[in-house]
């Protein structure tokens, strides 16, 4: 372990902590700022200001953080994306990765804005102006303070895109499920393979086998993480 590098990362996180408070104070109650240390995915939240998603210090990363982990040091900032919470709230968010002096990604600063009220005002003005609403498919994101709930939600989301139970899926569909979860960064989390196996009702060995096959198929097709 490089203690000097860890000390540098700790110093960057300490310097970013007042920025978290400043962002939330500037935008008011519709804003939440969250600082993540991805060295500990299950307790990645090290600072939070505001309360839009209910994040707490010591809470786990969201599936967005898993996606950053999956991207490794090639991960980039994701700015002004819109998601929907599981209780229906609409958010506009930005995730800005934190890098050390070697260029390695080790954390992120996330800003979430509750734009539900803005959307309601927009719909009202559109109705008054006689404009038809524009339908939009907004992905649902799970923001949980424990990593298990986030992994479970991702498994359920992928299963809902396929037909039937695990037993009804053919080999290609099973590999697609594991490949999709892997692309979302699920398996970067410690113990995720066992958790996914339990969720699907299959053995740990089967889960590892399908994950290995999915990764081999991905590499053969020339894809990149």
C-alpha atoms as a PDB file:
ATOM      1  CA  UNK A   1       0.000   0.000   0.000  1.00  0.00           C
ATOM      2  CA  UNK A   2       1.311   3.439  -0.924  1.00  0.00           C
ATOM      3  CA  UNK A   3       0.876   5.409   2.309  1.00  0.00           C
ATOM      4  CA  UNK A   4       1.968   8.672   0.678  1.00  0.00           C
ATOM      5  CA  UNK A   5      -0.701   8.277  -2.007  1.00  0.00           C
ATOM      6  CA  UNK A   6      -3.344   7.446   0.580  1.00  0.00           C
ATOM      7  CA  UNK A   7      -2.356  10.540   2.563  1.00  0.00           C
ATOM      8  CA  UNK A   8      -2.686  12.628  -0.602  1.00  0.00           C
ATOM      9  CA  UNK A   9      -6.159  11.243  -1.271  1.00  0.00           C
ATOM     10  CA  UNK A  10      -7.195  11.901   2.322  1.00  0.00           C
ATOM     11  CA  UNK A  11      -5.990  15.509   1.948  1.00  0.00           C
ATOM     12  CA  UNK A  12      -7.998  15.981  -1.268  1.00  0.00           C
ATOM     13  CA  UNK A  13     -11.151  14.690   0.430  1.00  0.00           C
ATOM     14  CA  UNK A  14     -10.562  16.964   3.424  1.00  0.00           C
ATOM     15  CA  UNK A  15     -10.147  19.953   1.108  1.00  0.00           C
ATOM     16  CA  UNK A  16     -13.366  19.062  -0.736  1.00  0.00           C
ATOM     17  CA  UNK A  17     -15.503  18.794   2.414  1.00  0.00           C
ATOM     18  CA  UNK A  18     -16.215  22.537   2.755  1.00  0.00           C
ATOM     19  CA  UNK A  19     -17.024  22.610  -0.977  1.00  0.00           C
ATOM     20  CA  UNK A  20     -19.833  20.134  -0.286  1.00  0.00           C
ATOM     21  CA  UNK A  21     -21.329  22.469   2.327  1.00  0.00           C
ATOM     22  CA  UNK A  22     -20.878  25.488   0.071  1.00  0.00           C
ATOM     23  CA  UNK A  23     -22.660  23.938  -2.907  1.00  0.00           C
ATOM     24  CA  UNK A  24     -25.666  22.890  -0.823  1.00  0.00           C
ATOM     25  CA  UNK A  25     -25.858  26.284   0.885  1.00  0.00           C
ATOM     26  CA  UNK A  26     -25.728  28.101  -2.463  1.00  0.00           C
ATOM     27  CA  UNK A  27     -28.597  26.183  -4.076  1.00  0.00           C
ATOM     28  CA  UNK A  28     -30.740  25.734  -0.981  1.00  0.00           C
ATOM     29  CA  UNK A  29     -33.106  22.940   0.052  1.00  0.00           C
ATOM     30  CA  UNK A  30     -33.513  21.490  -3.470  1.00  0.00           C
ATOM     31  CA  UNK A  31     -29.801  20.624  -3.569  1.00  0.00           C
ATOM     32  CA  UNK A  32     -27.730  17.806  -2.123  1.00  0.00           C
ATOM     33  CA  UNK A  33     -23.950  17.454  -2.442  1.00  0.00           C
ATOM     34  CA  UNK A  34     -22.250  14.141  -1.645  1.00  0.00           C
ATOM     35  CA  UNK A  35     -18.538  13.366  -1.374  1.00  0.00           C
ATOM     36  CA  UNK A  36     -17.480   9.765  -2.045  1.00  0.00           C
ATOM     37  CA  UNK A  37     -14.313   7.845  -1.230  1.00  0.00           C
ATOM     38  CA  UNK A  38     -14.395   4.824  -3.539  1.00  0.00           C
ATOM     39  CA  UNK A  39     -11.640   3.050  -1.613  1.00  0.00           C
ATOM     40  CA  UNK A  40     -14.468   1.773   0.609  1.00  0.00           C
ATOM     41  CA  UNK A  41     -17.473   1.187  -1.708  1.00  0.00           C
ATOM     42  CA  UNK A  42     -19.751  -0.079   1.040  1.00  0.00           C
ATOM     43  CA  UNK A  43     -19.195   3.076   3.116  1.00  0.00           C
ATOM     44  CA  UNK A  44     -18.145   5.493   0.420  1.00  0.00           C
ATOM     45  CA  UNK A  45     -20.055   8.592   1.609  1.00  0.00           C
ATOM     46  CA  UNK A  46     -17.612  10.700   3.641  1.00  0.00           C
ATOM     47  CA  UNK A  47     -19.489  14.014   3.560  1.00  0.00           C
ATOM     48  CA  UNK A  48     -23.021  15.080   2.662  1.00  0.00           C
ATOM     49  CA  UNK A  49     -24.951  18.343   2.773  1.00  0.00           C
ATOM     50  CA  UNK A  50     -28.627  18.706   1.924  1.00  0.00           C
ATOM     51  CA  UNK A  51     -31.213  15.938   1.855  1.00  0.00           C
ATOM     52  CA  UNK A  52     -32.552  15.050  -1.579  1.00  0.00           C
ATOM     53  CA  UNK A  53     -31.812  11.323  -1.733  1.00  0.00           C
ATOM     54  CA  UNK A  54     -31.470  10.654   1.987  1.00  0.00           C
ATOM     55  CA  UNK A  55     -27.743   9.876   1.801  1.00  0.00           C
ATOM     56  CA  UNK A  56     -25.873   9.653   5.109  1.00  0.00           C
ATOM     57  CA  UNK A  57     -22.192   9.699   6.027  1.00  0.00           C
ATOM     58  CA  UNK A  58     -21.032   6.089   6.047  1.00  0.00           C
ATOM     59  CA  UNK A  59     -23.594   5.120   3.395  1.00  0.00           C
ATOM     60  CA  UNK A  60     -22.837   3.097   0.295  1.00  0.00           C
ATOM     61  CA  UNK A  61     -22.269   4.298  -3.242  1.00  0.00           C
ATOM     62  CA  UNK A  62     -25.174   4.312  -5.692  1.00  0.00           C
ATOM     63  CA  UNK A  63     -25.257   2.446  -8.979  1.00  0.00           C
ATOM     64  CA  UNK A  64     -23.747   5.582 -10.541  1.00  0.00           C
ATOM     65  CA  UNK A  65     -20.686   5.073  -8.355  1.00  0.00           C
ATOM     66  CA  UNK A  66     -20.555   1.446  -9.426  1.00  0.00           C
ATOM     67  CA  UNK A  67     -20.492   2.628 -13.027  1.00  0.00           C
ATOM     68  CA  UNK A  68     -17.541   4.895 -12.222  1.00  0.00           C
ATOM     69  CA  UNK A  69     -15.715   1.970 -10.601  1.00  0.00           C
ATOM     70  CA  UNK A  70     -16.385  -0.151 -13.675  1.00  0.00           C
ATOM     71  CA  UNK A  71     -14.807   2.570 -15.812  1.00  0.00           C
ATOM     72  CA  UNK A  72     -11.622   2.490 -13.737  1.00  0.00           C
ATOM     73  CA  UNK A  73      -9.147   5.307 -14.287  1.00  0.00           C
ATOM     74  CA  UNK A  74     -10.740   5.952 -17.682  1.00  0.00           C
ATOM     75  CA  UNK A  75     -13.976   7.071 -16.044  1.00  0.00           C
ATOM     76  CA  UNK A  76     -14.994  10.638 -16.818  1.00  0.00           C
ATOM     77  CA  UNK A  77     -17.325  13.214 -15.349  1.00  0.00           C
ATOM     78  CA  UNK A  78     -21.048  12.763 -15.972  1.00  0.00           C
ATOM     79  CA  UNK A  79     -22.750  16.151 -16.054  1.00  0.00           C
ATOM     80  CA  UNK A  80     -26.388  17.259 -16.073  1.00  0.00           C
ATOM     81  CA  UNK A  81     -27.995  13.837 -16.391  1.00  0.00           C
ATOM     82  CA  UNK A  82     -31.585  13.302 -15.297  1.00  0.00           C
ATOM     83  CA  UNK A  83     -32.735  10.327 -13.251  1.00  0.00           C
ATOM     84  CA  UNK A  84     -35.764   9.337 -11.239  1.00  0.00           C
ATOM     85  CA  UNK A  85     -35.608   8.035  -7.672  1.00  0.00           C
ATOM     86  CA  UNK A  86     -37.505   4.875  -6.777  1.00  0.00           C
ATOM     87  CA  UNK A  87     -40.194   6.971  -5.057  1.00  0.00           C
ATOM     88  CA  UNK A  88     -40.752   8.961  -8.263  1.00  0.00           C
ATOM     89  CA  UNK A  89     -38.695  12.079  -7.560  1.00  0.00           C
ATOM     90  CA  UNK A  90     -37.001  13.699 -10.549  1.00  0.00           C
ATOM     91  CA  UNK A  91     -33.339  14.680 -10.192  1.00  0.00           C
ATOM     92  CA  UNK A  92     -30.777  16.501 -12.282  1.00  0.00           C
ATOM     93  CA  UNK A  93     -27.333  15.373 -11.226  1.00  0.00           C
ATOM     94  CA  UNK A  94     -23.644  15.693 -11.948  1.00  0.00           C
ATOM     95  CA  UNK A  95     -20.881  13.314 -10.892  1.00  0.00           C
ATOM     96  CA  UNK A  96     -17.333  14.662 -10.994  1.00  0.00           C
ATOM     97  CA  UNK A  97     -14.549  12.156 -10.429  1.00  0.00           C
ATOM     98  CA  UNK A  98     -11.650  12.836  -8.082  1.00  0.00           C
ATOM     99  CA  UNK A  99      -8.144  11.831  -9.138  1.00  0.00           C
ATOM    100  CA  UNK A 100      -4.842  11.707  -7.301  1.00  0.00           C
ATOM    101  CA  UNK A 101      -1.523  12.946  -8.711  1.00  0.00           C
ATOM    102  CA  UNK A 102      -1.067   9.684 -10.648  1.00  0.00           C
ATOM    103  CA  UNK A 103      -4.389  10.172 -12.439  1.00  0.00           C
ATOM    104  CA  UNK A 104      -6.096   7.308 -10.578  1.00  0.00           C
ATOM    105  CA  UNK A 105      -9.798   7.750  -9.807  1.00  0.00           C
ATOM    106  CA  UNK A 106     -10.472   7.282  -6.095  1.00  0.00           C
ATOM    107  CA  UNK A 107     -13.661   9.214  -5.382  1.00  0.00           C
ATOM    108  CA  UNK A 108     -16.276  11.609  -6.674  1.00  0.00           C
ATOM    109  CA  UNK A 109     -18.228  14.735  -5.865  1.00  0.00           C
ATOM    110  CA  UNK A 110     -21.913  14.333  -6.706  1.00  0.00           C
ATOM    111  CA  UNK A 111     -24.514  17.092  -6.879  1.00  0.00           C
ATOM    112  CA  UNK A 112     -28.230  16.236  -6.977  1.00  0.00           C
ATOM    113  CA  UNK A 113     -30.929  18.825  -7.668  1.00  0.00           C
ATOM    114  CA  UNK A 114     -34.587  18.057  -7.024  1.00  0.00           C
ATOM    115  CA  UNK A 115     -36.222  19.361 -10.197  1.00  0.00           C
ATOM    116  CA  UNK A 116     -39.683  17.976  -9.512  1.00  0.00           C
ATOM    117  CA  UNK A 117     -41.067  21.433  -8.673  1.00  0.00           C
ATOM    118  CA  UNK A 118     -39.427  22.897 -11.774  1.00  0.00           C
ATOM    119  CA  UNK A 119     -41.015  20.182 -13.900  1.00  0.00           C
ATOM    120  CA  UNK A 120     -44.445  20.882 -12.419  1.00  0.00           C
ATOM    121  CA  UNK A 121     -44.075  24.591 -13.182  1.00  0.00           C
ATOM    122  CA  UNK A 122     -42.951  23.763 -16.729  1.00  0.00           C
ATOM    123  CA  UNK A 123     -45.995  21.540 -17.291  1.00  0.00           C
ATOM    124  CA  UNK A 124     -48.298  24.262 -15.956  1.00  0.00           C
ATOM    125  CA  UNK A 125     -46.791  26.888 -18.249  1.00  0.00           C
ATOM    126  CA  UNK A 126     -46.983  24.452 -21.161  1.00  0.00           C
ATOM    127  CA  UNK A 127     -50.648  23.801 -20.448  1.00  0.00           C
ATOM    128  CA  UNK A 128     -51.369  27.527 -20.273  1.00  0.00           C
ATOM    129  CA  UNK A 129     -49.549  28.023 -23.567  1.00  0.00           C
ATOM    130  CA  UNK A 130     -51.385  25.106 -25.178  1.00  0.00           C
ATOM    131  CA  UNK A 131     -48.238  23.081 -25.732  1.00  0.00           C
ATOM    132  CA  UNK A 132     -48.447  19.293 -25.649  1.00  0.00           C
ATOM    133  CA  UNK A 133     -46.274  17.597 -23.048  1.00  0.00           C
ATOM    134  CA  UNK A 134     -43.170  15.886 -24.343  1.00  0.00           C
ATOM    135  CA  UNK A 135     -42.934  12.308 -23.051  1.00  0.00           C
ATOM    136  CA  UNK A 136     -39.535  11.292 -21.770  1.00  0.00           C
ATOM    137  CA  UNK A 137     -38.211   7.995 -20.494  1.00  0.00           C
ATOM    138  CA  UNK A 138     -36.134   8.757 -17.430  1.00  0.00           C
ATOM    139  CA  UNK A 139     -34.075   5.936 -15.901  1.00  0.00           C
ATOM    140  CA  UNK A 140     -34.675   5.091 -12.259  1.00  0.00           C
ATOM    141  CA  UNK A 141     -31.657   5.222  -9.978  1.00  0.00           C
ATOM    142  CA  UNK A 142     -31.424   3.561  -6.585  1.00  0.00           C
ATOM    143  CA  UNK A 143     -29.869   5.735  -3.899  1.00  0.00           C
ATOM    144  CA  UNK A 144     -29.403   3.554  -0.830  1.00  0.00           C
ATOM    145  CA  UNK A 145     -27.263   3.809   2.265  1.00  0.00           C
ATOM    146  CA  UNK A 146     -26.414   0.094   2.088  1.00  0.00           C
ATOM    147  CA  UNK A 147     -24.800  -1.563  -0.896  1.00  0.00           C
ATOM    148  CA  UNK A 148     -27.060  -4.637  -0.763  1.00  0.00           C
ATOM    149  CA  UNK A 149     -30.182  -2.639  -1.653  1.00  0.00           C
ATOM    150  CA  UNK A 150     -28.394  -1.058  -4.618  1.00  0.00           C
ATOM    151  CA  UNK A 151     -27.191  -4.426  -5.954  1.00  0.00           C
ATOM    152  CA  UNK A 152     -30.656  -5.964  -5.471  1.00  0.00           C
ATOM    153  CA  UNK A 153     -32.299  -3.093  -7.358  1.00  0.00           C
ATOM    154  CA  UNK A 154     -29.907  -3.479 -10.299  1.00  0.00           C
ATOM    155  CA  UNK A 155     -30.529  -7.228 -10.473  1.00  0.00           C
ATOM    156  CA  UNK A 156     -34.289  -6.658 -10.403  1.00  0.00           C
ATOM    157  CA  UNK A 157     -34.039  -3.966 -13.098  1.00  0.00           C
ATOM    158  CA  UNK A 158     -32.112  -6.258 -15.439  1.00  0.00           C
ATOM    159  CA  UNK A 159     -34.474  -9.174 -14.796  1.00  0.00           C
ATOM    160  CA  UNK A 160     -37.472  -6.983 -15.603  1.00  0.00           C
ATOM    161  CA  UNK A 161     -36.005  -6.359 -19.060  1.00  0.00           C
ATOM    162  CA  UNK A 162     -36.044 -10.087 -19.815  1.00  0.00           C
ATOM    163  CA  UNK A 163     -38.769 -12.673 -20.074  1.00  0.00           C
ATOM    164  CA  UNK A 164     -39.698 -15.030 -17.276  1.00  0.00           C
ATOM    165  CA  UNK A 165     -37.697 -16.436 -14.404  1.00  0.00           C
ATOM    166  CA  UNK A 166     -34.026 -17.438 -14.433  1.00  0.00           C
ATOM    167  CA  UNK A 167     -35.018 -21.023 -15.333  1.00  0.00           C
ATOM    168  CA  UNK A 168     -36.836 -19.734 -18.435  1.00  0.00           C
ATOM    169  CA  UNK A 169     -33.867 -17.770 -19.776  1.00  0.00           C
ATOM    170  CA  UNK A 170     -31.701 -19.331 -22.434  1.00  0.00           C
ATOM    171  CA  UNK A 171     -27.905 -19.221 -22.266  1.00  0.00           C
ATOM    172  CA  UNK A 172     -27.601 -16.031 -24.316  1.00  0.00           C
ATOM    173  CA  UNK A 173     -30.087 -14.229 -22.081  1.00  0.00           C
ATOM    174  CA  UNK A 174     -28.294 -15.392 -18.954  1.00  0.00           C
ATOM    175  CA  UNK A 175     -24.973 -14.158 -20.296  1.00  0.00           C
ATOM    176  CA  UNK A 176     -26.626 -10.878 -21.263  1.00  0.00           C
ATOM    177  CA  UNK A 177     -27.897 -10.450 -17.708  1.00  0.00           C
ATOM    178  CA  UNK A 178     -24.460 -11.055 -16.179  1.00  0.00           C
ATOM    179  CA  UNK A 179     -22.768  -8.916 -18.810  1.00  0.00           C
ATOM    180  CA  UNK A 180     -25.197  -6.072 -18.169  1.00  0.00           C
ATOM    181  CA  UNK A 181     -24.640  -6.230 -14.413  1.00  0.00           C
ATOM    182  CA  UNK A 182     -20.875  -6.315 -14.947  1.00  0.00           C
ATOM    183  CA  UNK A 183     -21.020  -3.260 -17.225  1.00  0.00           C
ATOM    184  CA  UNK A 184     -22.895  -1.403 -14.484  1.00  0.00           C
ATOM    185  CA  UNK A 185     -20.058  -2.100 -12.039  1.00  0.00           C
ATOM    186  CA  UNK A 186     -22.025  -4.455  -9.797  1.00  0.00           C
ATOM    187  CA  UNK A 187     -19.218  -6.991  -9.496  1.00  0.00           C
ATOM    188  CA  UNK A 188     -16.697  -4.358  -8.402  1.00  0.00           C
ATOM    189  CA  UNK A 189     -18.392  -4.576  -4.999  1.00  0.00           C
ATOM    190  CA  UNK A 190     -17.110  -7.128  -2.511  1.00  0.00           C
ATOM    191  CA  UNK A 191     -19.457 -10.109  -2.153  1.00  0.00           C
ATOM    192  CA  UNK A 192     -21.670  -9.052  -5.072  1.00  0.00           C
ATOM    193  CA  UNK A 193     -21.343 -12.366  -6.923  1.00  0.00           C
ATOM    194  CA  UNK A 194     -22.695 -14.254  -3.913  1.00  0.00           C
ATOM    195  CA  UNK A 195     -25.498 -11.722  -3.493  1.00  0.00           C
ATOM    196  CA  UNK A 196     -26.509 -11.919  -7.160  1.00  0.00           C
ATOM    197  CA  UNK A 197     -26.442 -15.728  -6.977  1.00  0.00           C
ATOM    198  CA  UNK A 198     -28.785 -15.663  -3.998  1.00  0.00           C
ATOM    199  CA  UNK A 199     -31.081 -13.180  -5.704  1.00  0.00           C
ATOM    200  CA  UNK A 200     -31.315 -15.397  -8.796  1.00  0.00           C
ATOM    201  CA  UNK A 201     -31.587 -18.649  -6.844  1.00  0.00           C
ATOM    202  CA  UNK A 202     -28.463 -20.215  -8.345  1.00  0.00           C
ATOM    203  CA  UNK A 203     -25.232 -21.514  -6.854  1.00  0.00           C
ATOM    204  CA  UNK A 204     -22.199 -19.340  -6.247  1.00  0.00           C
ATOM    205  CA  UNK A 205     -20.206 -21.525  -8.657  1.00  0.00           C
ATOM    206  CA  UNK A 206     -22.819 -21.037 -11.402  1.00  0.00           C
ATOM    207  CA  UNK A 207     -22.769 -17.284 -10.903  1.00  0.00           C
ATOM    208  CA  UNK A 208     -18.968 -17.162 -11.219  1.00  0.00           C
ATOM    209  CA  UNK A 209     -19.164 -19.347 -14.321  1.00  0.00           C
ATOM    210  CA  UNK A 210     -21.716 -17.101 -16.040  1.00  0.00           C
ATOM    211  CA  UNK A 211     -19.733 -13.995 -15.115  1.00  0.00           C
ATOM    212  CA  UNK A 212     -16.555 -15.520 -16.548  1.00  0.00           C
ATOM    213  CA  UNK A 213     -18.343 -16.506 -19.766  1.00  0.00           C
ATOM    214  CA  UNK A 214     -19.932 -13.061 -20.102  1.00  0.00           C
ATOM    215  CA  UNK A 215     -16.566 -11.368 -19.732  1.00  0.00           C
ATOM    216  CA  UNK A 216     -14.966 -13.748 -22.231  1.00  0.00           C
ATOM    217  CA  UNK A 217     -17.737 -13.046 -24.738  1.00  0.00           C
ATOM    218  CA  UNK A 218     -17.301  -9.307 -24.190  1.00  0.00           C
ATOM    219  CA  UNK A 219     -13.517  -9.528 -24.761  1.00  0.00           C
ATOM    220  CA  UNK A 220     -14.001 -11.644 -27.890  1.00  0.00           C
ATOM    221  CA  UNK A 221     -16.438  -9.119 -29.345  1.00  0.00           C
ATOM    222  CA  UNK A 222     -13.831  -6.381 -28.925  1.00  0.00           C
ATOM    223  CA  UNK A 223     -15.809  -4.373 -26.374  1.00  0.00           C
ATOM    224  CA  UNK A 224     -14.174  -2.113 -23.833  1.00  0.00           C
ATOM    225  CA  UNK A 225     -15.075  -1.432 -20.191  1.00  0.00           C
END
